[in-house]
Amino acid sequence: MSNPQPLRLRLGAGHHDREVEFLLPADWRVTVCPPRGAPALSATAIRRAFARPVGAAPICRQARGARSAVILVDDFRRPTPGETLCLAVIEELIHAGLRKSAISIVLGNGAHRAMTRREARRRLGSAMDRVGRVVSHDAFSADVTFVGLTKAGTPVLVNRVAADADFSVAISTVYPHALTAWGGGAKMVLPGICHVSTCYYHHTRVRGGGVWSGNPGDSPSRRDLEEAAALFGLDVAVCAVINPKKELCGLRVGHPTQAHRSAVKLARQVYHTDTQGLAPQLVIANLYPFDGDPTQFSKAEVPARRCGAPILILADFADSCDWHGAYDGPRKAYLQRGPLPVPERTPELLRKAEVF
């Protein structure tokens, strides 16, 4: 009997990141198809991205005169280099005249569970010590501010700490998405820091499937969340592109929509995986670096489906549960806190959106 052939892949992003060896039958003909990738950015290149923003002035100029600022950071299920980018933003804000005590970080968990302090430390590193406070957003908390309705009727309720800030910066990674074409950018507002009522309305009434890695402007979901970000008043987006080693290999800073579109253009090149000419009998799709929980499943399944063969998805799922604000699922107990207080001037549509 021939010896099995080893296949080494990374798993456990956001938790216990490690390389795992899988043993495949010796008679299998295995073709590994990695993304095109790109080299990691140098510290100089990162500073250059902040000094030459897309469609906007540098943060240090835009934030002058602001009395407070908030930095929105995506949750630990994404491969965003949170510490590196937060420290760069904090440096810009301090240069603009803001004190440490006037800067807050809100971890934009969306309808995922709130992060623990240990997870926040792993996400932010020393940046936690450079700001006045760090808040892990809880989509089921009533401590929110209503900022308006989108054209699609989505009631936009955002984290009060974020809403109270004079200036806002969103840090995220750009990646293909089933509903919004590409993630990142304005998604840090909706669903990132929104109440579950907002997430519920957006996900159930504003649809836009079939746009995976397509033009973001063609997605009704993307248009809706970008309107929500405008209602919130998002000033700057910091959009990262990551290589297969989870290194920052591309960065666009600036106007929330323009910086995002520029990052998408780069991401198309970096993430491209060439499978042309292959006719596999089995596709082994590695969900890394999005394998924290089952909600990210489509990020491996959708592109693998194009090969037209059975799919085996590899994922760590260290967070185990599908923490995605499942309204009748694991977090149903949260809804027993009682209904969210609705401001008197809020339209009737918002009241209806809170009935699950």
Protein backbone atom coordinates (compact mmCIF):
# COMPACT_ATOMS: atom_id res chain seq x y z
CA MET A 1 0.00 0.00 0.00
CA SER A 2 1.43 3.37 -1.00
CA ASN A 3 2.06 6.05 1.57
CA PRO A 4 -0.62 8.77 1.75
CA GLN A 5 0.31 12.20 0.43
CA PRO A 6 0.25 15.11 2.89
CA LEU A 7 -1.65 18.36 2.33
CA ARG A 8 -0.87 21.17 4.77
CA LEU A 9 -3.42 23.96 5.23
CA ARG A 10 -4.01 26.71 7.76
CA LEU A 11 -7.10 26.70 10.00
CA GLY A 12 -8.41 28.53 13.05
CA ALA A 13 -8.11 32.18 12.03
CA GLY A 14 -9.15 34.46 14.88
CA HIS A 15 -8.75 31.71 17.48
CA HIS A 16 -5.83 29.24 17.51
CA ASP A 17 -4.37 29.91 14.08
CA ARG A 18 -2.28 26.90 13.07
CA GLU A 19 -1.18 24.69 10.17
CA VAL A 20 -2.87 21.29 9.93
CA GLU A 21 -1.68 18.29 7.92
CA PHE A 22 -4.26 16.21 6.04
CA LEU A 23 -3.36 12.81 4.57
CA LEU A 24 -4.84 12.12 1.14
CA PRO A 25 -4.79 8.83 -0.81
CA ALA A 26 -1.54 8.29 -2.69
CA ASP A 27 -3.31 7.75 -6.02
CA TRP A 28 -5.12 11.10 -5.91
CA ARG A 29 -3.85 13.72 -8.33
CA VAL A 30 -3.94 16.89 -6.24
CA THR A 31 -3.72 20.40 -7.68
CA VAL A 32 -3.39 23.25 -5.18
CA CYS A 33 -4.90 26.52 -6.44
CA PRO A 34 -3.86 29.40 -4.18
CA PRO A 35 -5.00 32.99 -4.68
CA ARG A 36 -2.66 35.16 -6.72
CA GLY A 37 -1.69 37.11 -3.59
CA ALA A 38 0.70 40.03 -3.18
CA PRO A 39 3.63 40.90 -0.89
CA ALA A 40 3.01 42.49 2.49
CA LEU A 41 3.00 46.29 2.63
CA SER A 42 5.91 48.02 4.28
CA ALA A 43 5.43 50.55 7.08
CA THR A 44 6.29 53.26 4.55
CA ALA A 45 3.56 52.06 2.16
CA ILE A 46 0.99 52.10 4.97
CA ARG A 47 1.91 55.68 5.89
CA ARG A 48 1.69 56.64 2.21
CA ALA A 49 -1.87 55.29 2.00
CA PHE A 50 -2.92 57.53 4.89
CA ALA A 51 -1.06 60.53 3.46
CA ARG A 52 -2.64 60.13 0.00
CA PRO A 53 -6.29 59.20 0.62
CA VAL A 54 -8.82 58.43 -2.10
CA GLY A 55 -11.33 61.21 -2.77
CA ALA A 56 -10.76 63.00 0.54
CA ALA A 57 -8.29 64.97 2.63
CA PRO A 58 -6.03 63.12 5.10
CA ILE A 59 -7.63 62.17 8.41
CA CYS A 60 -5.37 64.57 10.32
CA ARG A 61 -6.89 67.46 8.33
CA GLN A 62 -10.49 66.25 8.24
CA ALA A 63 -10.61 65.70 12.00
CA ARG A 64 -9.35 69.16 12.97
CA GLY A 65 -11.85 70.87 15.22
CA ALA A 66 -13.58 67.62 16.21
CA ARG A 67 -14.07 67.22 19.94
CA SER A 68 -14.36 63.44 19.80
CA ALA A 69 -13.74 60.59 17.39
CA VAL A 70 -14.74 56.95 17.05
CA ILE A 71 -12.89 54.16 15.25
CA LEU A 72 -15.08 51.30 14.06
CA VAL A 73 -13.22 47.98 13.77
CA ASP A 74 -14.61 44.73 12.37
CA ASP A 75 -14.84 41.67 14.61
CA PHE A 76 -12.30 38.91 15.14
CA ARG A 77 -13.89 36.71 12.47
CA ARG A 78 -12.25 38.90 9.84
CA PRO A 79 -8.51 38.86 9.06
CA THR A 80 -8.14 42.64 9.35
CA PRO A 81 -4.84 43.71 11.00
CA GLY A 82 -6.69 45.66 13.69
CA GLU A 83 -3.74 46.77 15.80
CA THR A 84 -1.65 48.07 12.89
CA LEU A 85 -4.47 50.06 11.31
CA CYS A 86 -5.92 51.35 14.59
CA LEU A 87 -2.53 52.69 15.65
CA ALA A 88 -2.18 54.46 12.29
CA VAL A 89 -5.64 56.06 12.64
CA ILE A 90 -4.97 57.07 16.26
CA GLU A 91 -1.75 58.77 15.18
CA GLU A 92 -3.70 60.77 12.58
CA LEU A 93 -6.36 61.77 15.13
CA ILE A 94 -3.81 62.88 17.70
CA HIS A 95 -2.07 64.89 14.99
CA ALA A 96 -5.44 66.56 14.36
CA GLY A 97 -5.50 67.72 17.98
CA LEU A 98 -7.64 65.06 19.68
CA ARG A 99 -6.66 63.78 23.10
CA LYS A 100 -6.53 60.09 23.98
CA SER A 101 -9.58 60.47 26.23
CA ALA A 102 -11.61 61.82 23.28
CA ILE A 103 -11.02 58.75 21.08
CA SER A 104 -13.18 55.62 21.33
CA ILE A 105 -13.03 52.28 19.55
CA VAL A 106 -16.28 50.43 18.84
CA LEU A 107 -15.91 46.81 17.78
CA GLY A 108 -18.48 46.39 15.02
CA ASN A 109 -19.80 42.90 15.68
CA GLY A 110 -23.03 43.35 13.74
CA ALA A 111 -25.50 40.72 14.93
CA HIS A 112 -22.66 38.40 15.95
CA ARG A 113 -22.05 38.03 19.67
CA ALA A 114 -20.15 40.74 21.50
CA MET A 115 -16.43 40.10 21.85
CA THR A 116 -14.84 39.28 25.19
CA ARG A 117 -12.10 41.47 26.62
CA ARG A 118 -9.51 38.83 25.75
CA GLU A 119 -10.75 38.71 22.16
CA ALA A 120 -10.70 42.50 21.99
CA ARG A 121 -7.10 42.54 23.22
CA ARG A 122 -6.15 39.99 20.59
CA ARG A 123 -7.91 42.10 17.96
CA LEU A 124 -6.54 45.50 18.94
CA GLY A 125 -3.31 44.83 20.81
CA SER A 126 -1.62 47.96 22.13
CA ALA A 127 -4.22 50.18 20.44
CA MET A 128 -6.53 49.43 23.39
CA ASP A 129 -4.16 51.43 25.59
CA ARG A 130 -4.04 54.41 23.23
CA VAL A 131 -7.72 55.37 23.41
CA GLY A 132 -10.15 56.51 26.08
CA ARG A 133 -12.48 53.51 25.84
CA VAL A 134 -13.23 50.36 23.88
CA VAL A 135 -16.82 49.19 23.38
CA SER A 136 -17.85 45.80 22.00
CA HIS A 137 -21.10 46.43 20.13
CA ASP A 138 -24.13 44.41 21.21
CA ALA A 139 -26.85 44.43 18.55
CA PHE A 140 -29.48 43.62 21.18
CA SER A 141 -28.69 46.60 23.42
CA ALA A 142 -31.22 49.44 23.54
CA ASP A 143 -28.40 51.99 23.90
CA VAL A 144 -28.74 53.23 20.32
CA THR A 145 -29.52 56.38 18.34
CA PHE A 146 -31.97 56.61 15.43
CA VAL A 147 -30.34 58.47 12.52
CA GLY A 148 -32.98 58.06 9.81
CA LEU A 149 -34.50 55.82 7.15
CA THR A 150 -32.86 54.68 3.92
CA LYS A 151 -34.74 54.91 0.62
CA ALA A 152 -35.53 51.21 0.97
CA GLY A 153 -37.13 51.93 4.33
CA THR A 154 -34.43 50.46 6.57
CA PRO A 155 -34.64 52.12 10.01
CA VAL A 156 -31.06 52.95 10.95
CA LEU A 157 -30.39 52.58 14.69
CA VAL A 158 -26.70 52.80 15.55
CA ASN A 159 -24.55 52.33 18.64
CA ARG A 160 -24.90 55.47 20.78
CA VAL A 161 -21.17 55.73 21.56
CA ALA A 162 -20.45 55.82 17.83
CA ALA A 163 -23.34 58.19 17.07
CA ASP A 164 -22.20 60.68 19.71
CA ALA A 165 -18.72 61.11 18.19
CA ASP A 166 -17.95 64.16 16.05
CA PHE A 167 -15.71 62.21 13.65
CA SER A 168 -15.76 58.57 12.54
CA VAL A 169 -13.37 56.17 10.82
CA ALA A 170 -14.25 52.59 9.78
CA ILE A 171 -11.55 49.92 9.52
CA SER A 172 -12.35 46.70 7.65
CA THR A 173 -11.20 44.11 5.13
CA VAL A 174 -12.61 43.98 1.60
CA TYR A 175 -13.70 40.48 0.54
CA PRO A 176 -16.30 38.89 -1.81
CA HIS A 177 -19.82 38.75 -0.39
CA ALA A 178 -22.98 36.95 -1.50
CA LEU A 179 -25.38 39.87 -0.96
CA THR A 180 -23.27 43.03 -1.14
CA ALA A 181 -20.84 41.87 -3.88
CA TRP A 182 -17.96 42.94 -1.64
CA GLY A 183 -17.72 43.31 2.13
CA GLY A 184 -15.97 46.03 4.08
CA GLY A 185 -16.39 49.80 3.96
CA ALA A 186 -19.93 50.89 4.83
CA LYS A 187 -20.72 47.41 6.18
CA MET A 188 -18.97 48.59 9.32
CA VAL A 189 -22.04 50.75 9.97
CA LEU A 190 -24.74 48.34 8.74
CA PRO A 191 -24.71 45.74 10.15
CA GLY A 192 -21.50 46.53 12.07
CA ILE A 193 -22.82 48.92 14.71
CA CYS A 194 -26.57 48.69 14.14
CA HIS A 195 -29.36 47.40 16.36
CA VAL A 196 -30.78 43.98 15.54
CA SER A 197 -34.00 45.66 14.31
CA THR A 198 -32.01 47.38 11.58
CA CYS A 199 -30.15 44.18 10.69
CA TYR A 200 -33.42 42.25 10.61
CA TYR A 201 -35.11 44.70 8.25
CA HIS A 202 -32.08 44.94 5.96
CA HIS A 203 -31.50 41.20 5.72
CA THR A 204 -35.14 40.23 5.21
CA ARG A 205 -36.51 43.06 3.04
CA VAL A 206 -33.51 44.39 1.13
CA ARG A 207 -32.23 41.50 -0.96
CA GLY A 208 -29.62 41.39 -3.65
CA GLY A 209 -28.24 37.92 -4.24
CA GLY A 210 -26.31 36.71 -7.25
CA VAL A 211 -23.74 39.50 -7.12
CA TRP A 212 -20.81 37.60 -5.58
CA SER A 213 -17.60 39.56 -6.35
CA GLY A 214 -19.50 41.63 -8.91
CA ASN A 215 -20.05 45.38 -9.15
CA PRO A 216 -20.96 46.71 -5.67
CA GLY A 217 -23.21 49.34 -7.24
CA ASP A 218 -25.41 46.59 -8.70
CA SER A 219 -26.28 45.24 -5.25
CA PRO A 220 -29.45 46.63 -3.59
CA SER A 221 -28.02 45.46 -0.27
CA ARG A 222 -24.77 47.40 -0.79
CA ARG A 223 -26.65 50.54 -1.85
CA ASP A 224 -28.84 50.33 1.24
CA LEU A 225 -25.99 49.95 3.70
CA GLU A 226 -24.04 52.76 2.03
CA GLU A 227 -27.08 55.00 2.51
CA ALA A 228 -27.13 53.92 6.15
CA ALA A 229 -23.46 54.86 6.50
CA ALA A 230 -24.21 58.29 5.02
CA LEU A 231 -27.09 58.80 7.47
CA PHE A 232 -24.74 57.89 10.30
CA GLY A 233 -22.18 60.34 8.93
CA LEU A 234 -19.22 58.04 8.31
CA ASP A 235 -16.26 60.27 7.47
CA VAL A 236 -13.48 57.89 6.41
CA ALA A 237 -13.12 54.24 5.39
CA VAL A 238 -9.87 52.33 5.84
CA CYS A 239 -10.14 49.32 3.52
CA ALA A 240 -7.62 46.50 3.77
CA VAL A 241 -6.74 43.78 1.27
CA ILE A 242 -5.16 40.64 2.74
CA ASN A 243 -2.89 38.01 1.16
CA PRO A 244 -3.09 34.23 1.88
CA LYS A 245 -0.71 34.65 4.85
CA LYS A 246 -3.16 37.12 6.44
CA GLU A 247 -0.71 39.95 5.76
CA LEU A 248 -1.83 43.43 4.78
CA CYS A 249 -0.93 43.63 1.09
CA GLY A 250 -3.20 46.48 -0.04
CA LEU A 251 -4.71 49.53 1.62
CA ARG A 252 -7.07 52.28 0.56
CA VAL A 253 -8.00 55.17 2.86
CA GLY A 254 -10.45 57.98 2.19
CA HIS A 255 -14.03 58.68 1.11
CA PRO A 256 -16.18 55.74 2.33
CA THR A 257 -17.43 54.75 -1.13
CA GLN A 258 -14.49 55.78 -3.29
CA ALA A 259 -11.88 54.14 -1.06
CA HIS A 260 -13.96 50.96 -0.96
CA ARG A 261 -14.28 50.79 -4.76
CA SER A 262 -10.55 51.35 -5.16
CA ALA A 263 -9.85 48.53 -2.69
CA VAL A 264 -12.26 46.24 -4.56
CA LYS A 265 -10.33 46.84 -7.78
CA LEU A 266 -7.13 45.73 -6.07
CA ALA A 267 -8.80 42.81 -4.28
CA ARG A 268 -10.02 41.35 -7.59
CA GLN A 269 -6.37 40.90 -8.59
CA VAL A 270 -5.05 39.68 -5.23
CA TYR A 271 -7.82 37.16 -4.56
CA HIS A 272 -8.00 35.76 -8.10
CA THR A 273 -7.64 31.97 -8.14
CA ASP A 274 -6.93 30.34 -11.49
CA THR A 275 -8.86 27.09 -12.02
CA GLN A 276 -9.05 27.33 -15.80
CA GLY A 277 -8.62 24.01 -17.57
CA LEU A 278 -9.28 21.93 -14.45
CA ALA A 279 -12.06 19.33 -14.29
CA PRO A 280 -11.91 18.15 -10.68
CA GLN A 281 -13.83 15.23 -9.24
CA LEU A 282 -13.67 16.82 -5.78
CA VAL A 283 -13.02 20.38 -4.61
CA ILE A 284 -11.50 20.83 -1.15
CA ALA A 285 -12.27 24.45 -0.25
CA ASN A 286 -10.50 25.96 2.74
CA LEU A 287 -12.61 28.62 4.51
CA TYR A 288 -9.52 30.12 6.19
CA PRO A 289 -9.15 32.96 7.14
CA PHE A 290 -12.93 33.20 7.64
CA ASP A 291 -13.42 29.90 9.46
CA GLY A 292 -14.40 31.23 12.90
CA ASP A 293 -18.07 30.25 12.72
CA PRO A 294 -20.60 28.76 10.25
CA THR A 295 -21.98 32.14 9.15
CA GLN A 296 -18.95 32.60 6.88
CA PHE A 297 -19.64 29.31 5.08
CA SER A 298 -20.52 30.87 1.72
CA LYS A 299 -17.07 32.45 1.36
CA ALA A 300 -15.72 28.99 0.52
CA GLU A 301 -18.84 27.39 -0.92
CA VAL A 302 -19.83 29.98 -3.55
CA PRO A 303 -16.54 30.18 -5.50
CA ALA A 304 -15.96 26.42 -5.18
CA ARG A 305 -19.37 25.74 -6.71
CA ARG A 306 -18.14 27.17 -10.02
CA CYS A 307 -15.91 24.13 -10.51
CA GLY A 308 -18.97 21.90 -10.94
CA ALA A 309 -17.76 19.12 -8.64
CA PRO A 310 -18.65 17.88 -5.14
CA ILE A 311 -17.29 20.23 -2.47
CA LEU A 312 -15.58 19.43 0.83
CA ILE A 313 -15.23 22.57 2.96
CA LEU A 314 -12.52 22.72 5.61
CA ALA A 315 -13.21 24.99 8.58
CA ASP A 316 -12.29 25.21 12.23
CA PHE A 317 -15.56 26.74 13.52
CA ALA A 318 -13.94 27.34 16.91
CA ASP A 319 -16.81 29.66 17.84
CA SER A 320 -19.08 26.67 17.09
CA CYS A 321 -22.47 28.39 17.21
CA ASP A 322 -24.09 30.34 14.40
CA TRP A 323 -24.00 33.70 16.20
CA HIS A 324 -25.68 35.80 13.56
CA GLY A 325 -28.63 37.26 15.38
CA ALA A 326 -30.69 34.17 14.57
CA TYR A 327 -34.04 35.61 15.62
CA ASP A 328 -35.49 32.24 16.61
CA GLY A 329 -32.17 30.54 17.31
CA PRO A 330 -29.33 30.55 19.88
CA ARG A 331 -29.77 34.20 20.90
CA LYS A 332 -33.54 34.17 21.28
CA ALA A 333 -33.09 34.84 25.00
CA TYR A 334 -31.76 38.29 24.15
CA LEU A 335 -35.13 39.24 22.74
CA GLN A 336 -36.69 38.63 26.15
CA ARG A 337 -35.06 41.84 27.38
CA GLY A 338 -38.17 43.58 26.12
CA PRO A 339 -38.85 45.80 23.13
CA LEU A 340 -36.51 48.62 22.23
CA PRO A 341 -37.86 52.03 23.27
CA VAL A 342 -38.96 53.83 20.12
CA PRO A 343 -38.58 57.64 19.92
CA GLU A 344 -41.91 59.43 19.46
CA ARG A 345 -40.82 61.01 16.19
CA THR A 346 -39.71 57.69 14.70
CA PRO A 347 -41.92 56.65 11.74
CA GLU A 348 -44.41 53.84 12.10
CA LEU A 349 -42.22 51.74 9.83
CA LEU A 350 -39.59 51.55 12.56
CA ARG A 351 -42.15 50.33 15.08
CA LYS A 352 -43.12 47.52 12.72
CA ALA A 353 -39.49 46.59 12.12
CA GLU A 354 -39.08 45.78 15.80
CA VAL A 355 -41.74 43.10 15.81
CA PHE A 356 -40.05 39.78 15.12
